[in-house]
Amino acid sequence: MANSKEPHQSSAGLAAVITRPKAECSVRLATPDDMAAVTAIYAHFVENTTATFDLVAPGEATMRRRLQTVVESGLPYLVAELDGYIVGYSYAAIFRPRAGYCFTVEDSIYVRADCRGYGVGKSLLSELTSLCTLRGCHSMVACICGDNVPSVALHASLGFLPIGVLPEAGRKFGKWLSLSIMQRLLATTTPPCDLTP
């Protein structure tokens, strides 16, 4: 992992973890320089969990291209910092390529497992939904792989509703996995332009 120092570990052990006050996490727009840390965070999820259907962890160059694609589409890509270290990231991407879908985005969010309980996920997703609303997005969709209870709970806490489940939508670690779909309507106003002919 790119950041060897853990934000809440100390040589004093468990007592320090229990007594140390929780730090505030800060959220900001990502830059290409953040992609080494982002790559390390994502690699953990690819190699050890069913939170993504990627089977091989992409390298930093691929993650930089993904950042560029999001930014060029006018959507936000965010990182969260805790004690000066990048501990999570999130971004919105075009839900589907056809023009009529342009007001719906899909979120992705990943937080280091050792940094749960600091409000990182909620801070990232809250800021992401706010920025997407400001950009005129009408709805946000979460496609949650496998049995990811923390992700379902996080999205539900911010107003996402369960829409459905695609059984056996993908395969990883030798088993079929479902895909849970959640959605939150961001804006109820009519978009500035109507793309229908």
C-alpha atoms as a PDB file:
ATOM      1  CA  MET A   1       0.000   0.000   0.000  1.00  0.00           C
ATOM      2  CA  ALA A   2       1.296   3.427  -0.914  1.00  0.00           C
ATOM      3  CA  ASN A   3       0.762   4.878   2.568  1.00  0.00           C
ATOM      4  CA  SER A   4       2.638   2.762   5.079  1.00  0.00           C
ATOM      5  CA  LYS A   5       1.638   4.807   8.130  1.00  0.00           C
ATOM      6  CA  GLU A   6      -1.852   3.876   9.321  1.00  0.00           C
ATOM      7  CA  PRO A   7      -3.922   6.874  10.434  1.00  0.00           C
ATOM      8  CA  HIS A   8      -5.091   5.371  13.709  1.00  0.00           C
ATOM      9  CA  GLN A   9      -2.331   2.928  14.651  1.00  0.00           C
ATOM     10  CA  SER A  10       0.329   3.676  17.238  1.00  0.00           C
ATOM     11  CA  SER A  11       3.008   1.786  19.133  1.00  0.00           C
ATOM     12  CA  ALA A  12       0.902   2.118  22.293  1.00  0.00           C
ATOM     13  CA  GLY A  13      -1.471  -0.475  20.814  1.00  0.00           C
ATOM     14  CA  LEU A  14      -5.147  -0.900  21.481  1.00  0.00           C
ATOM     15  CA  ALA A  15      -5.266   1.633  24.329  1.00  0.00           C
ATOM     16  CA  ALA A  16      -4.238   4.416  21.952  1.00  0.00           C
ATOM     17  CA  VAL A  17      -6.883   3.357  19.435  1.00  0.00           C
ATOM     18  CA  ILE A  18      -9.585   3.500  22.099  1.00  0.00           C
ATOM     19  CA  THR A  19      -8.546   6.775  23.731  1.00  0.00           C
ATOM     20  CA  ARG A  20      -7.487   8.790  20.690  1.00  0.00           C
ATOM     21  CA  PRO A  21     -10.190  11.209  19.497  1.00  0.00           C
ATOM     22  CA  LYS A  22     -11.426  10.611  15.976  1.00  0.00           C
ATOM     23  CA  ALA A  23      -9.953  12.922  13.361  1.00  0.00           C
ATOM     24  CA  GLU A  24     -12.077  14.767  10.842  1.00  0.00           C
ATOM     25  CA  CYS A  25     -11.765  13.665   7.257  1.00  0.00           C
ATOM     26  CA  SER A  26     -11.601  16.241   4.478  1.00  0.00           C
ATOM     27  CA  VAL A  27     -12.859  15.749   0.932  1.00  0.00           C
ATOM     28  CA  ARG A  28     -11.457  17.429  -2.170  1.00  0.00           C
ATOM     29  CA  LEU A  29     -11.252  17.006  -5.928  1.00  0.00           C
ATOM     30  CA  ALA A  30      -8.710  14.380  -6.969  1.00  0.00           C
ATOM     31  CA  THR A  31      -5.584  15.162  -8.976  1.00  0.00           C
ATOM     32  CA  PRO A  32      -3.304  12.883 -11.022  1.00  0.00           C
ATOM     33  CA  ASP A  33      -0.836  12.952  -8.113  1.00  0.00           C
ATOM     34  CA  ASP A  34      -3.412  11.180  -5.939  1.00  0.00           C
ATOM     35  CA  MET A  35      -3.625   8.167  -8.208  1.00  0.00           C
ATOM     36  CA  ALA A  36      -0.824   6.169  -6.554  1.00  0.00           C
ATOM     37  CA  ALA A  37      -2.793   6.096  -3.289  1.00  0.00           C
ATOM     38  CA  VAL A  38      -6.092   5.511  -5.129  1.00  0.00           C
ATOM     39  CA  THR A  39      -4.527   2.611  -7.051  1.00  0.00           C
ATOM     40  CA  ALA A  40      -3.388   0.974  -3.796  1.00  0.00           C
ATOM     41  CA  ILE A  41      -6.825   1.367  -2.204  1.00  0.00           C
ATOM     42  CA  TYR A  42      -8.585  -0.126  -5.214  1.00  0.00           C
ATOM     43  CA  ALA A  43      -6.087  -3.002  -5.516  1.00  0.00           C
ATOM     44  CA  HIS A  44      -7.087  -4.227  -2.056  1.00  0.00           C
ATOM     45  CA  PHE A  45     -10.756  -4.407  -3.076  1.00  0.00           C
ATOM     46  CA  VAL A  46      -9.987  -6.118  -6.391  1.00  0.00           C
ATOM     47  CA  GLU A  47      -7.701  -8.743  -4.873  1.00  0.00           C
ATOM     48  CA  ASN A  48      -9.544  -9.455  -1.611  1.00  0.00           C
ATOM     49  CA  THR A  49     -13.248  -8.628  -1.915  1.00  0.00           C
ATOM     50  CA  THR A  50     -16.331  -8.931  -4.097  1.00  0.00           C
ATOM     51  CA  ALA A  51     -16.970  -5.165  -3.927  1.00  0.00           C
ATOM     52  CA  THR A  52     -15.897  -4.942  -7.586  1.00  0.00           C
ATOM     53  CA  PHE A  53     -16.103  -7.311 -10.518  1.00  0.00           C
ATOM     54  CA  ASP A  54     -12.577  -6.362 -11.641  1.00  0.00           C
ATOM     55  CA  LEU A  55     -10.500  -9.547 -11.449  1.00  0.00           C
ATOM     56  CA  VAL A  56      -7.036  -8.031 -11.917  1.00  0.00           C
ATOM     57  CA  ALA A  57      -6.009  -4.848 -10.130  1.00  0.00           C
ATOM     58  CA  PRO A  58      -5.308  -2.064 -12.639  1.00  0.00           C
ATOM     59  CA  GLY A  59      -2.060  -0.140 -12.490  1.00  0.00           C
ATOM     60  CA  GLU A  60      -1.594   3.544 -11.793  1.00  0.00           C
ATOM     61  CA  ALA A  61      -1.575   4.481 -15.495  1.00  0.00           C
ATOM     62  CA  THR A  62      -5.018   2.917 -15.920  1.00  0.00           C
ATOM     63  CA  MET A  63      -6.334   4.707 -12.845  1.00  0.00           C
ATOM     64  CA  ARG A  64      -5.005   8.012 -14.200  1.00  0.00           C
ATOM     65  CA  ARG A  65      -6.881   7.387 -17.466  1.00  0.00           C
ATOM     66  CA  ARG A  66     -10.055   6.645 -15.510  1.00  0.00           C
ATOM     67  CA  LEU A  67      -9.647   9.923 -13.619  1.00  0.00           C
ATOM     68  CA  GLN A  68      -9.176  11.776 -16.911  1.00  0.00           C
ATOM     69  CA  THR A  69     -12.309  10.189 -18.406  1.00  0.00           C
ATOM     70  CA  VAL A  70     -14.424  11.265 -15.428  1.00  0.00           C
ATOM     71  CA  VAL A  71     -13.037  14.797 -15.393  1.00  0.00           C
ATOM     72  CA  GLU A  72     -13.444  15.213 -19.166  1.00  0.00           C
ATOM     73  CA  SER A  73     -17.096  14.206 -18.859  1.00  0.00           C
ATOM     74  CA  GLY A  74     -17.614  17.079 -16.394  1.00  0.00           C
ATOM     75  CA  LEU A  75     -18.231  14.848 -13.382  1.00  0.00           C
ATOM     76  CA  PRO A  76     -16.552  14.866  -9.959  1.00  0.00           C
ATOM     77  CA  TYR A  77     -13.779  12.542  -8.813  1.00  0.00           C
ATOM     78  CA  LEU A  78     -13.045  13.003  -5.108  1.00  0.00           C
ATOM     79  CA  VAL A  79     -10.526  11.845  -2.527  1.00  0.00           C
ATOM     80  CA  ALA A  80     -10.825  11.849   1.264  1.00  0.00           C
ATOM     81  CA  GLU A  81      -7.903  12.619   3.534  1.00  0.00           C
ATOM     82  CA  LEU A  82      -7.491  11.636   7.160  1.00  0.00           C
ATOM     83  CA  ASP A  83      -4.422  12.643   9.178  1.00  0.00           C
ATOM     84  CA  GLY A  84      -2.813  13.758   5.893  1.00  0.00           C
ATOM     85  CA  TYR A  85      -3.289  10.431   4.086  1.00  0.00           C
ATOM     86  CA  ILE A  86      -5.671   9.554   1.277  1.00  0.00           C
ATOM     87  CA  VAL A  87      -8.011   6.990   2.807  1.00  0.00           C
ATOM     88  CA  GLY A  88     -10.822   6.812   0.271  1.00  0.00           C
ATOM     89  CA  TYR A  89     -12.139   8.013  -3.039  1.00  0.00           C
ATOM     90  CA  SER A  90     -15.365   8.289  -4.985  1.00  0.00           C
ATOM     91  CA  TYR A  91     -16.481   9.408  -8.396  1.00  0.00           C
ATOM     92  CA  ALA A  92     -19.511   9.655 -10.639  1.00  0.00           C
ATOM     93  CA  ALA A  93     -19.555   8.242 -14.152  1.00  0.00           C
ATOM     94  CA  ILE A  94     -22.034   8.309 -17.009  1.00  0.00           C
ATOM     95  CA  PHE A  95     -24.559   5.543 -16.265  1.00  0.00           C
ATOM     96  CA  ARG A  96     -24.944   4.395 -19.884  1.00  0.00           C
ATOM     97  CA  PRO A  97     -23.562   5.841 -23.130  1.00  0.00           C
ATOM     98  CA  ARG A  98     -26.780   6.630 -25.036  1.00  0.00           C
ATOM     99  CA  ALA A  99     -27.735  10.313 -24.987  1.00  0.00           C
ATOM    100  CA  GLY A 100     -31.044   9.922 -23.184  1.00  0.00           C
ATOM    101  CA  TYR A 101     -29.223   8.625 -20.091  1.00  0.00           C
ATOM    102  CA  CYS A 102     -27.068  11.755 -19.768  1.00  0.00           C
ATOM    103  CA  PHE A 103     -28.830  12.982 -16.606  1.00  0.00           C
ATOM    104  CA  THR A 104     -28.228   9.719 -14.702  1.00  0.00           C
ATOM    105  CA  VAL A 105     -24.840   8.922 -13.165  1.00  0.00           C
ATOM    106  CA  GLU A 106     -23.422   5.910 -11.345  1.00  0.00           C
ATOM    107  CA  ASP A 107     -21.327   6.323  -8.222  1.00  0.00           C
ATOM    108  CA  SER A 108     -18.274   4.361  -7.144  1.00  0.00           C
ATOM    109  CA  ILE A 109     -16.847   4.642  -3.651  1.00  0.00           C
ATOM    110  CA  TYR A 110     -13.971   2.881  -1.884  1.00  0.00           C
ATOM    111  CA  VAL A 111     -12.674   3.447   1.653  1.00  0.00           C
ATOM    112  CA  ARG A 112      -9.671   1.775   3.257  1.00  0.00           C
ATOM    113  CA  ALA A 113     -10.919  -0.986   5.548  1.00  0.00           C
ATOM    114  CA  ASP A 114      -8.789   0.293   8.446  1.00  0.00           C
ATOM    115  CA  CYS A 115     -10.421   3.715   8.190  1.00  0.00           C
ATOM    116  CA  ARG A 116     -14.056   2.731   8.617  1.00  0.00           C
ATOM    117  CA  GLY A 117     -15.926   4.493  11.396  1.00  0.00           C
ATOM    118  CA  TYR A 118     -14.455   7.907  10.664  1.00  0.00           C
ATOM    119  CA  GLY A 119     -17.288   9.089   8.433  1.00  0.00           C
ATOM    120  CA  VAL A 120     -15.131   8.822   5.325  1.00  0.00           C
ATOM    121  CA  GLY A 121     -17.705   7.041   3.184  1.00  0.00           C
ATOM    122  CA  LYS A 122     -20.547   9.332   4.197  1.00  0.00           C
ATOM    123  CA  SER A 123     -18.417  12.444   3.609  1.00  0.00           C
ATOM    124  CA  LEU A 124     -17.403  11.245   0.148  1.00  0.00           C
ATOM    125  CA  LEU A 125     -20.896  10.219  -0.950  1.00  0.00           C
ATOM    126  CA  SER A 126     -22.517  13.368   0.482  1.00  0.00           C
ATOM    127  CA  GLU A 127     -20.116  15.612  -1.419  1.00  0.00           C
ATOM    128  CA  LEU A 128     -20.475  13.528  -4.574  1.00  0.00           C
ATOM    129  CA  THR A 129     -24.272  13.790  -4.581  1.00  0.00           C
ATOM    130  CA  SER A 130     -24.082  17.538  -3.900  1.00  0.00           C
ATOM    131  CA  LEU A 131     -21.655  18.183  -6.764  1.00  0.00           C
ATOM    132  CA  CYS A 132     -23.651  16.035  -9.179  1.00  0.00           C
ATOM    133  CA  THR A 133     -26.834  17.906  -8.247  1.00  0.00           C
ATOM    134  CA  LEU A 134     -25.072  21.214  -8.958  1.00  0.00           C
ATOM    135  CA  ARG A 135     -24.015  19.840 -12.358  1.00  0.00           C
ATOM    136  CA  GLY A 136     -27.649  19.153 -13.249  1.00  0.00           C
ATOM    137  CA  CYS A 137     -27.685  15.400 -12.770  1.00  0.00           C
ATOM    138  CA  HIS A 138     -31.192  14.078 -12.155  1.00  0.00           C
ATOM    139  CA  SER A 139     -30.459  10.711 -10.534  1.00  0.00           C
ATOM    140  CA  MET A 140     -27.606   8.659  -9.137  1.00  0.00           C
ATOM    141  CA  VAL A 141     -27.442   4.877  -9.312  1.00  0.00           C
ATOM    142  CA  ALA A 142     -25.367   2.567  -7.129  1.00  0.00           C
ATOM    143  CA  CYS A 143     -24.571  -0.878  -8.533  1.00  0.00           C
ATOM    144  CA  ILE A 144     -23.381  -2.868  -5.522  1.00  0.00           C
ATOM    145  CA  CYS A 145     -21.538  -6.138  -6.199  1.00  0.00           C
ATOM    146  CA  GLY A 146     -21.948  -9.227  -4.072  1.00  0.00           C
ATOM    147  CA  ASP A 147     -23.001  -9.156  -0.445  1.00  0.00           C
ATOM    148  CA  ASN A 148     -21.738  -5.687   0.469  1.00  0.00           C
ATOM    149  CA  VAL A 149     -23.772  -4.798   3.565  1.00  0.00           C
ATOM    150  CA  PRO A 150     -21.708  -1.676   4.481  1.00  0.00           C
ATOM    151  CA  SER A 151     -22.225  -0.164   1.009  1.00  0.00           C
ATOM    152  CA  VAL A 152     -25.968  -0.845   1.073  1.00  0.00           C
ATOM    153  CA  ALA A 153     -26.204   0.748   4.538  1.00  0.00           C
ATOM    154  CA  LEU A 154     -24.163   3.785   3.492  1.00  0.00           C
ATOM    155  CA  HIS A 155     -26.291   4.439   0.427  1.00  0.00           C
ATOM    156  CA  ALA A 156     -29.532   3.910   2.362  1.00  0.00           C
ATOM    157  CA  SER A 157     -28.379   6.415   5.007  1.00  0.00           C
ATOM    158  CA  LEU A 158     -28.141   9.073   2.280  1.00  0.00           C
ATOM    159  CA  GLY A 159     -31.541   8.475   0.728  1.00  0.00           C
ATOM    160  CA  PHE A 160     -30.808   5.787  -1.857  1.00  0.00           C
ATOM    161  CA  LEU A 161     -33.650   3.320  -2.324  1.00  0.00           C
ATOM    162  CA  PRO A 162     -33.330  -0.337  -3.359  1.00  0.00           C
ATOM    163  CA  ILE A 163     -34.489  -0.801  -6.957  1.00  0.00           C
ATOM    164  CA  GLY A 164     -33.747  -4.454  -7.600  1.00  0.00           C
ATOM    165  CA  VAL A 165     -31.253  -7.293  -7.658  1.00  0.00           C
ATOM    166  CA  LEU A 166     -29.711  -9.003 -10.678  1.00  0.00           C
ATOM    167  CA  PRO A 167     -28.973 -12.549  -9.510  1.00  0.00           C
ATOM    168  CA  GLU A 168     -25.746 -14.159 -10.706  1.00  0.00           C
ATOM    169  CA  ALA A 169     -24.730 -11.014 -12.579  1.00  0.00           C
ATOM    170  CA  GLY A 170     -21.010 -11.738 -12.321  1.00  0.00           C
ATOM    171  CA  ARG A 171     -18.497 -14.325 -11.194  1.00  0.00           C
ATOM    172  CA  LYS A 172     -15.537 -13.884  -8.872  1.00  0.00           C
ATOM    173  CA  PHE A 173     -13.522 -16.146  -6.546  1.00  0.00           C
ATOM    174  CA  GLY A 174     -15.280 -19.176  -8.016  1.00  0.00           C
ATOM    175  CA  LYS A 175     -18.838 -18.160  -7.245  1.00  0.00           C
ATOM    176  CA  TRP A 176     -21.748 -16.333  -8.864  1.00  0.00           C
ATOM    177  CA  LEU A 177     -22.525 -12.939  -7.359  1.00  0.00           C
ATOM    178  CA  SER A 178     -25.593 -10.742  -7.455  1.00  0.00           C
ATOM    179  CA  LEU A 179     -25.710  -7.048  -8.303  1.00  0.00           C
ATOM    180  CA  SER A 180     -27.909  -4.872  -6.088  1.00  0.00           C
ATOM    181  CA  ILE A 181     -29.148  -1.641  -7.627  1.00  0.00           C
ATOM    182  CA  MET A 182     -30.013   1.425  -5.554  1.00  0.00           C
ATOM    183  CA  GLN A 183     -31.036   4.880  -6.756  1.00  0.00           C
ATOM    184  CA  ARG A 184     -31.459   8.396  -5.431  1.00  0.00           C
ATOM    185  CA  LEU A 185     -33.221  11.172  -7.312  1.00  0.00           C
ATOM    186  CA  LEU A 186     -31.026  14.257  -7.041  1.00  0.00           C
ATOM    187  CA  ALA A 187     -33.086  16.970  -8.688  1.00  0.00           C
ATOM    188  CA  THR A 188     -36.775  17.228  -9.461  1.00  0.00           C
ATOM    189  CA  THR A 189     -36.495  20.190 -11.802  1.00  0.00           C
ATOM    190  CA  THR A 190     -36.714  19.954 -15.561  1.00  0.00           C
ATOM    191  CA  PRO A 191     -33.258  19.846 -17.182  1.00  0.00           C
ATOM    192  CA  PRO A 192     -32.146  22.959 -19.077  1.00  0.00           C
ATOM    193  CA  CYS A 193     -32.324  21.123 -22.386  1.00  0.00           C
ATOM    194  CA  ASP A 194     -34.514  18.328 -23.650  1.00  0.00           C
ATOM    195  CA  LEU A 195     -32.560  15.808 -25.671  1.00  0.00           C
ATOM    196  CA  THR A 196     -35.596  14.076 -27.131  1.00  0.00           C
ATOM    197  CA  PRO A 197     -36.133  14.718 -30.854  1.00  0.00           C
END
